[in-house]
Protein backbone atom coordinates (compact mmCIF):
# COMPACT_ATOMS: atom_id res chain seq x y z
CA MET A 1 -28.21 -4.18 -7.36
CA LYS A 2 -25.19 -6.29 -8.11
CA LYS A 3 -22.96 -7.15 -5.08
CA ASN A 4 -19.51 -5.65 -5.40
CA ILE A 5 -18.10 -6.02 -1.85
CA GLY A 6 -16.22 -9.20 -1.01
CA SER A 7 -15.96 -10.79 2.43
CA PRO A 8 -12.59 -9.34 3.46
CA ASP A 9 -13.88 -5.85 2.45
CA ARG A 10 -17.07 -6.31 4.39
CA ILE A 11 -15.12 -7.41 7.55
CA ILE A 12 -12.82 -4.49 7.38
CA ARG A 13 -15.83 -2.02 7.01
CA ILE A 14 -17.66 -3.67 10.05
CA LEU A 15 -14.51 -3.66 12.15
CA PHE A 16 -13.89 0.17 11.39
CA ALA A 17 -17.53 0.84 12.36
CA VAL A 18 -17.22 -1.09 15.71
CA PHE A 19 -13.92 0.72 16.35
CA VAL A 20 -15.28 4.14 15.85
CA ALA A 21 -18.30 3.24 17.99
CA ALA A 22 -15.97 1.94 20.81
CA LEU A 23 -13.96 5.19 20.59
CA TYR A 24 -17.10 7.29 20.89
CA PHE A 25 -18.54 5.37 23.83
CA ALA A 26 -15.22 5.38 25.64
CA ASN A 27 -15.24 9.29 25.23
CA VAL A 28 -11.98 9.15 23.27
CA ILE A 29 -13.49 11.13 20.33
CA SER A 30 -16.09 13.88 20.58
CA GLY A 31 -17.41 16.94 18.85
CA THR A 32 -16.93 17.39 15.02
CA VAL A 33 -14.41 14.48 14.76
CA ALA A 34 -17.01 12.16 16.34
CA ILE A 35 -19.78 13.25 13.97
CA ILE A 36 -17.65 12.88 10.88
CA LEU A 37 -16.16 9.50 11.88
CA GLY A 38 -19.60 8.37 12.99
CA LEU A 39 -21.16 9.23 9.62
CA VAL A 40 -18.35 7.53 7.86
CA ALA A 41 -18.81 4.41 10.11
CA VAL A 42 -22.52 4.31 9.54
CA ILE A 43 -22.08 4.50 5.76
CA LEU A 44 -19.44 1.78 5.71
CA PHE A 45 -21.49 -0.43 7.96
CA ALA A 46 -24.62 -0.02 5.79
CA THR A 47 -22.67 -0.78 2.62
CA ALA A 48 -21.22 -3.84 4.26
CA LEU A 49 -24.64 -5.17 5.19
CA ILE A 50 -26.04 -4.38 1.66
CA GLY A 51 -23.04 -5.73 -0.20
CA THR A 52 -22.99 -2.89 -2.75
CA CYS A 53 -20.85 0.22 -2.64
CA PRO A 54 -21.93 3.18 -4.92
CA ILE A 55 -18.38 4.39 -5.22
CA TYR A 56 -17.25 0.97 -6.51
CA LEU A 57 -20.21 1.02 -8.91
CA ALA A 58 -19.10 4.44 -10.18
CA ALA A 59 -15.48 3.26 -10.53
CA ASN A 60 -16.59 -0.04 -12.08
CA MET A 61 -14.73 -1.94 -9.28
CA SER A 62 -15.51 -5.07 -7.39
CA THR A 63 -13.79 -6.91 -4.54
CA THR A 64 -15.90 -10.07 -4.92
CA LYS A 65 -14.28 -13.16 -6.35
CA ALA A 66 -14.65 -13.47 -10.15
CA GLU A 67 -17.38 -15.95 -11.18
CA LYS A 68 -15.99 -18.93 -13.09
CA VAL A 69 -17.56 -19.68 -16.44
CA VAL A 70 -17.98 -23.43 -17.07
């Protein structure tokens, strides 16, 4: 698949996942909220590692820098 997630976007996704994990392990969030935020965090973390976001593909978006044609 074509990469459509740029570096700043990847960093934000990973930081969000780490933040949610920290909230969970500090017992700040629990129950349904923890499950929902945990699923979102796992999805964002996975897409950051892979470099491709299915929603961006469907919307024909990309946060990567445009390739220069020489």
